[in-house]
Amino acid sequence: MFLLKNKLLLVFFIFMAIMFVPKATQPLVDTEVLNKIAKIDLKQLGCLSTNIFYEAGGETLLGQAAVARVVMNRVRNGFAKTPCGVVYQYTVNDDNIKMCQFSWVCEGKSDPNKNSAQYKKAESIALAVLSQDAYSEVIPKTALFFHNLTVDPNWPYKQVAVIGNHIFYSKAKKSP
């Protein structure tokens, strides 16, 4: 009886090992995601990461993701063809003053420390956005503009979200 009981236990443990150990044909990492990541243009990743870092580096994950989504919404809406094009886009006003879409660009900030934890967080958010279209639910696809709570540009646009220290707007006109 003792021998039969031990054999049953042994069969049970072998069965459990077979059932719950990953098969050799099952990848441990989603290969589709890896393929998308491998196709990411590192220049675009850098532009988006740096913009997240300077515009929302001190914000929560959702605040940083919202800034990234604005850039991608602008690409989709024809502001520029790439994230770098959006980030470094500017106009020159009537007084011949360069007006940047993102203030840090006109301020001439240098490259951030890419080894800092804050930059790595921004970079991981940018990678998720570029490779998996992540965080698309954070702000509406119509959100094209934002500013910090500390400024009031008196924009005519419709407010669509407040996340952390930023207010996000669509191009629609606000109600009177």
C-alpha atoms as a PDB file:
ATOM      1  CA  MET A   1       0.000   0.000   0.000  1.00  0.00           C
ATOM      2  CA  PHE A   2       2.852   2.374   0.882  1.00  0.00           C
ATOM      3  CA  LEU A   3       4.525   1.687  -2.465  1.00  0.00           C
ATOM      4  CA  LEU A   4       1.280   2.303  -4.362  1.00  0.00           C
ATOM      5  CA  LYS A   5       0.749   5.585  -2.539  1.00  0.00           C
ATOM      6  CA  ASN A   6       4.284   6.776  -3.395  1.00  0.00           C
ATOM      7  CA  LYS A   7       3.820   5.823  -7.055  1.00  0.00           C
ATOM      8  CA  LEU A   8       0.566   7.797  -7.166  1.00  0.00           C
ATOM      9  CA  LEU A   9       2.316  10.805  -5.672  1.00  0.00           C
ATOM     10  CA  LEU A  10       5.129  10.450  -8.192  1.00  0.00           C
ATOM     11  CA  VAL A  11       2.647  10.246 -11.087  1.00  0.00           C
ATOM     12  CA  PHE A  12       0.800  13.267  -9.721  1.00  0.00           C
ATOM     13  CA  PHE A  13       4.014  15.350  -9.519  1.00  0.00           C
ATOM     14  CA  ILE A  14       5.086  14.332 -13.032  1.00  0.00           C
ATOM     15  CA  PHE A  15       1.620  15.229 -14.331  1.00  0.00           C
ATOM     16  CA  MET A  16       1.773  18.651 -12.640  1.00  0.00           C
ATOM     17  CA  ALA A  17       5.251  19.297 -14.042  1.00  0.00           C
ATOM     18  CA  ILE A  18       4.081  18.456 -17.558  1.00  0.00           C
ATOM     19  CA  MET A  19       0.962  20.591 -17.256  1.00  0.00           C
ATOM     20  CA  PHE A  20       2.533  23.715 -15.768  1.00  0.00           C
ATOM     21  CA  VAL A  21       6.002  23.926 -17.287  1.00  0.00           C
ATOM     22  CA  PRO A  22       6.053  26.065 -20.468  1.00  0.00           C
ATOM     23  CA  LYS A  23       6.335  24.063 -23.647  1.00  0.00           C
ATOM     24  CA  ALA A  24       9.514  24.550 -25.673  1.00  0.00           C
ATOM     25  CA  THR A  25       7.392  25.887 -28.535  1.00  0.00           C
ATOM     26  CA  GLN A  26       5.815  28.571 -26.359  1.00  0.00           C
ATOM     27  CA  PRO A  27       7.962  31.725 -26.290  1.00  0.00           C
ATOM     28  CA  LEU A  28       8.460  33.279 -22.876  1.00  0.00           C
ATOM     29  CA  VAL A  29       8.175  36.755 -24.463  1.00  0.00           C
ATOM     30  CA  ASP A  30       5.572  37.871 -27.001  1.00  0.00           C
ATOM     31  CA  THR A  31       7.509  37.740 -30.283  1.00  0.00           C
ATOM     32  CA  GLU A  32       5.070  40.110 -31.983  1.00  0.00           C
ATOM     33  CA  VAL A  33       5.887  42.790 -29.423  1.00  0.00           C
ATOM     34  CA  LEU A  34       9.612  42.081 -29.792  1.00  0.00           C
ATOM     35  CA  ASN A  35       9.335  42.481 -33.569  1.00  0.00           C
ATOM     36  CA  LYS A  36       7.559  45.826 -33.163  1.00  0.00           C
ATOM     37  CA  ILE A  37      10.192  47.015 -30.705  1.00  0.00           C
ATOM     38  CA  ALA A  38      12.978  45.983 -33.093  1.00  0.00           C
ATOM     39  CA  LYS A  39      11.429  48.176 -35.796  1.00  0.00           C
ATOM     40  CA  ILE A  40      11.321  51.324 -33.638  1.00  0.00           C
ATOM     41  CA  ASP A  41      13.399  54.181 -35.036  1.00  0.00           C
ATOM     42  CA  LEU A  42      15.765  55.062 -32.185  1.00  0.00           C
ATOM     43  CA  LYS A  43      15.830  58.722 -33.218  1.00  0.00           C
ATOM     44  CA  GLN A  44      12.033  58.926 -32.844  1.00  0.00           C
ATOM     45  CA  LEU A  45      12.234  57.092 -29.523  1.00  0.00           C
ATOM     46  CA  GLY A  46      14.815  59.628 -28.324  1.00  0.00           C
ATOM     47  CA  CYS A  47      12.744  62.640 -29.379  1.00  0.00           C
ATOM     48  CA  LEU A  48       9.597  61.334 -27.708  1.00  0.00           C
ATOM     49  CA  SER A  49      11.492  60.278 -24.558  1.00  0.00           C
ATOM     50  CA  THR A  50      13.203  63.662 -24.240  1.00  0.00           C
ATOM     51  CA  ASN A  51       9.915  65.494 -24.718  1.00  0.00           C
ATOM     52  CA  ILE A  52       8.241  63.395 -22.023  1.00  0.00           C
ATOM     53  CA  PHE A  53      11.258  63.997 -19.758  1.00  0.00           C
ATOM     54  CA  TYR A  54      11.205  67.794 -20.115  1.00  0.00           C
ATOM     55  CA  GLU A  55       7.455  68.342 -20.336  1.00  0.00           C
ATOM     56  CA  ALA A  56       6.302  65.874 -17.692  1.00  0.00           C
ATOM     57  CA  GLY A  57       9.325  64.281 -16.036  1.00  0.00           C
ATOM     58  CA  GLY A  58       7.970  64.902 -12.555  1.00  0.00           C
ATOM     59  CA  GLU A  59       4.477  63.667 -13.389  1.00  0.00           C
ATOM     60  CA  THR A  60       2.894  60.281 -12.750  1.00  0.00           C
ATOM     61  CA  LEU A  61       2.989  57.570 -15.377  1.00  0.00           C
ATOM     62  CA  LEU A  62      -0.409  58.729 -16.682  1.00  0.00           C
ATOM     63  CA  GLY A  63       0.741  62.345 -16.862  1.00  0.00           C
ATOM     64  CA  GLN A  64       3.804  61.348 -18.849  1.00  0.00           C
ATOM     65  CA  ALA A  65       1.782  59.041 -21.077  1.00  0.00           C
ATOM     66  CA  ALA A  66      -0.685  61.862 -21.798  1.00  0.00           C
ATOM     67  CA  VAL A  67       2.153  64.069 -23.051  1.00  0.00           C
ATOM     68  CA  ALA A  68       3.354  61.238 -25.297  1.00  0.00           C
ATOM     69  CA  ARG A  69      -0.179  60.735 -26.620  1.00  0.00           C
ATOM     70  CA  VAL A  70      -0.460  64.435 -27.546  1.00  0.00           C
ATOM     71  CA  VAL A  71       2.653  64.059 -29.690  1.00  0.00           C
ATOM     72  CA  MET A  72       1.229  60.962 -31.382  1.00  0.00           C
ATOM     73  CA  ASN A  73      -2.173  62.651 -31.837  1.00  0.00           C
ATOM     74  CA  ARG A  74      -0.372  65.498 -33.575  1.00  0.00           C
ATOM     75  CA  VAL A  75       1.432  63.071 -35.887  1.00  0.00           C
ATOM     76  CA  ARG A  76      -1.912  61.460 -36.735  1.00  0.00           C
ATOM     77  CA  ASN A  77      -3.455  64.900 -37.335  1.00  0.00           C
ATOM     78  CA  GLY A  78      -0.761  66.043 -39.745  1.00  0.00           C
ATOM     79  CA  PHE A  79       1.247  68.468 -37.594  1.00  0.00           C
ATOM     80  CA  ALA A  80       4.352  66.586 -38.780  1.00  0.00           C
ATOM     81  CA  LYS A  81       5.157  63.121 -40.104  1.00  0.00           C
ATOM     82  CA  THR A  82       7.141  61.894 -37.110  1.00  0.00           C
ATOM     83  CA  PRO A  83       7.388  62.428 -33.349  1.00  0.00           C
ATOM     84  CA  CYS A  84      10.679  64.323 -33.882  1.00  0.00           C
ATOM     85  CA  GLY A  85       8.955  66.538 -36.432  1.00  0.00           C
ATOM     86  CA  VAL A  86       6.229  67.355 -33.906  1.00  0.00           C
ATOM     87  CA  VAL A  87       8.599  67.905 -30.974  1.00  0.00           C
ATOM     88  CA  TYR A  88      10.922  70.264 -32.852  1.00  0.00           C
ATOM     89  CA  GLN A  89       8.208  72.050 -34.847  1.00  0.00           C
ATOM     90  CA  TYR A  90       8.156  75.828 -34.570  1.00  0.00           C
ATOM     91  CA  THR A  91       6.874  78.951 -36.250  1.00  0.00           C
ATOM     92  CA  VAL A  92       8.280  82.447 -36.470  1.00  0.00           C
ATOM     93  CA  ASN A  93       5.880  85.223 -35.461  1.00  0.00           C
ATOM     94  CA  ASP A  94       5.547  88.705 -36.979  1.00  0.00           C
ATOM     95  CA  ASP A  95       8.261  90.016 -34.642  1.00  0.00           C
ATOM     96  CA  ASN A  96      10.668  87.379 -36.012  1.00  0.00           C
ATOM     97  CA  ILE A  97      10.557  85.449 -32.721  1.00  0.00           C
ATOM     98  CA  LYS A  98      10.788  81.660 -32.841  1.00  0.00           C
ATOM     99  CA  MET A  99       7.707  80.069 -31.240  1.00  0.00           C
ATOM    100  CA  CYS A 100       8.196  76.398 -30.312  1.00  0.00           C
ATOM    101  CA  GLN A 101       5.451  73.846 -29.753  1.00  0.00           C
ATOM    102  CA  PHE A 102       7.244  72.712 -26.605  1.00  0.00           C
ATOM    103  CA  SER A 103       8.915  75.344 -24.437  1.00  0.00           C
ATOM    104  CA  TRP A 104      12.035  73.354 -23.612  1.00  0.00           C
ATOM    105  CA  VAL A 105      12.981  73.298 -27.311  1.00  0.00           C
ATOM    106  CA  CYS A 106      13.098  77.105 -27.562  1.00  0.00           C
ATOM    107  CA  GLU A 107      14.842  77.285 -24.201  1.00  0.00           C
ATOM    108  CA  GLY A 108      17.709  75.318 -25.760  1.00  0.00           C
ATOM    109  CA  LYS A 109      17.894  72.659 -23.070  1.00  0.00           C
ATOM    110  CA  SER A 110      20.715  70.176 -23.475  1.00  0.00           C
ATOM    111  CA  ASP A 111      20.231  66.432 -23.730  1.00  0.00           C
ATOM    112  CA  PRO A 112      19.040  64.936 -20.460  1.00  0.00           C
ATOM    113  CA  ASN A 113      21.068  62.380 -18.542  1.00  0.00           C
ATOM    114  CA  LYS A 114      19.878  59.256 -20.334  1.00  0.00           C
ATOM    115  CA  ASN A 115      21.042  57.050 -17.478  1.00  0.00           C
ATOM    116  CA  SER A 116      18.835  58.752 -14.878  1.00  0.00           C
ATOM    117  CA  ALA A 117      15.820  56.907 -13.506  1.00  0.00           C
ATOM    118  CA  GLN A 118      13.572  59.773 -14.593  1.00  0.00           C
ATOM    119  CA  TYR A 119      14.735  59.529 -18.220  1.00  0.00           C
ATOM    120  CA  LYS A 120      14.508  55.715 -18.201  1.00  0.00           C
ATOM    121  CA  LYS A 121      10.883  55.986 -17.083  1.00  0.00           C
ATOM    122  CA  ALA A 122      10.138  58.463 -19.892  1.00  0.00           C
ATOM    123  CA  GLU A 123      11.913  56.187 -22.350  1.00  0.00           C
ATOM    124  CA  SER A 124       9.916  53.120 -21.299  1.00  0.00           C
ATOM    125  CA  ILE A 125       6.667  55.051 -21.750  1.00  0.00           C
ATOM    126  CA  ALA A 126       7.802  56.290 -25.161  1.00  0.00           C
ATOM    127  CA  LEU A 127       8.754  52.753 -26.185  1.00  0.00           C
ATOM    128  CA  ALA A 128       5.363  51.397 -25.139  1.00  0.00           C
ATOM    129  CA  VAL A 129       3.578  54.172 -27.041  1.00  0.00           C
ATOM    130  CA  LEU A 130       5.628  53.690 -30.206  1.00  0.00           C
ATOM    131  CA  SER A 131       5.693  49.882 -30.227  1.00  0.00           C
ATOM    132  CA  GLN A 132       2.259  49.016 -28.859  1.00  0.00           C
ATOM    133  CA  ASP A 133       0.210  52.215 -29.179  1.00  0.00           C
ATOM    134  CA  ALA A 134      -0.021  52.032 -25.381  1.00  0.00           C
ATOM    135  CA  TYR A 135      -1.943  54.449 -23.152  1.00  0.00           C
ATOM    136  CA  SER A 136      -4.350  55.430 -25.934  1.00  0.00           C
ATOM    137  CA  GLU A 137      -7.161  55.621 -23.371  1.00  0.00           C
ATOM    138  CA  VAL A 138      -5.406  58.214 -21.169  1.00  0.00           C
ATOM    139  CA  ILE A 139      -6.571  61.209 -23.218  1.00  0.00           C
ATOM    140  CA  PRO A 140      -8.919  61.483 -26.212  1.00  0.00           C
ATOM    141  CA  LYS A 141      -7.470  61.167 -29.708  1.00  0.00           C
ATOM    142  CA  THR A 142      -8.650  64.761 -30.221  1.00  0.00           C
ATOM    143  CA  ALA A 143      -6.282  66.108 -27.541  1.00  0.00           C
ATOM    144  CA  LEU A 144      -3.655  68.139 -29.396  1.00  0.00           C
ATOM    145  CA  PHE A 145      -2.539  70.769 -26.886  1.00  0.00           C
ATOM    146  CA  PHE A 146      -1.642  71.038 -23.211  1.00  0.00           C
ATOM    147  CA  HIS A 147      -0.111  73.449 -20.769  1.00  0.00           C
ATOM    148  CA  ASN A 148       0.988  73.482 -17.179  1.00  0.00           C
ATOM    149  CA  LEU A 149      -1.499  74.567 -14.506  1.00  0.00           C
ATOM    150  CA  THR A 150       0.786  77.467 -13.599  1.00  0.00           C
ATOM    151  CA  VAL A 151       0.130  79.288 -16.886  1.00  0.00           C
ATOM    152  CA  ASP A 152      -3.072  80.536 -18.462  1.00  0.00           C
ATOM    153  CA  PRO A 153      -2.664  81.056 -22.193  1.00  0.00           C
ATOM    154  CA  ASN A 154      -6.388  81.801 -22.534  1.00  0.00           C
ATOM    155  CA  TRP A 155      -6.692  79.373 -25.426  1.00  0.00           C
ATOM    156  CA  PRO A 156      -9.987  79.187 -27.303  1.00  0.00           C
ATOM    157  CA  TYR A 157      -9.847  75.375 -27.294  1.00  0.00           C
ATOM    158  CA  LYS A 158     -12.084  72.903 -25.497  1.00  0.00           C
ATOM    159  CA  GLN A 159     -10.587  71.390 -22.333  1.00  0.00           C
ATOM    160  CA  VAL A 160     -10.723  67.577 -22.478  1.00  0.00           C
ATOM    161  CA  ALA A 161      -8.671  66.442 -19.468  1.00  0.00           C
ATOM    162  CA  VAL A 162      -6.659  67.480 -16.447  1.00  0.00           C
ATOM    163  CA  ILE A 163      -3.911  65.058 -15.474  1.00  0.00           C
ATOM    164  CA  GLY A 164      -1.416  65.971 -12.809  1.00  0.00           C
ATOM    165  CA  ASN A 165      -0.101  69.463 -13.477  1.00  0.00           C
ATOM    166  CA  HIS A 166      -1.363  69.689 -17.066  1.00  0.00           C
ATOM    167  CA  ILE A 167      -4.587  70.673 -18.793  1.00  0.00           C
ATOM    168  CA  PHE A 168      -5.249  69.030 -22.167  1.00  0.00           C
ATOM    169  CA  TYR A 169      -7.292  70.500 -25.004  1.00  0.00           C
ATOM    170  CA  SER A 170      -8.831  69.523 -28.319  1.00  0.00           C
ATOM    171  CA  LYS A 171      -8.895  71.872 -31.287  1.00  0.00           C
ATOM    172  CA  ALA A 172     -12.657  72.315 -30.904  1.00  0.00           C
ATOM    173  CA  LYS A 173     -13.680  75.730 -29.702  1.00  0.00           C
ATOM    174  CA  LYS A 174     -14.740  75.986 -26.071  1.00  0.00           C
ATOM    175  CA  SER A 175     -18.339  76.758 -25.277  1.00  0.00           C
ATOM    176  CA  PRO A 176     -19.113  80.402 -24.439  1.00  0.00           C
END
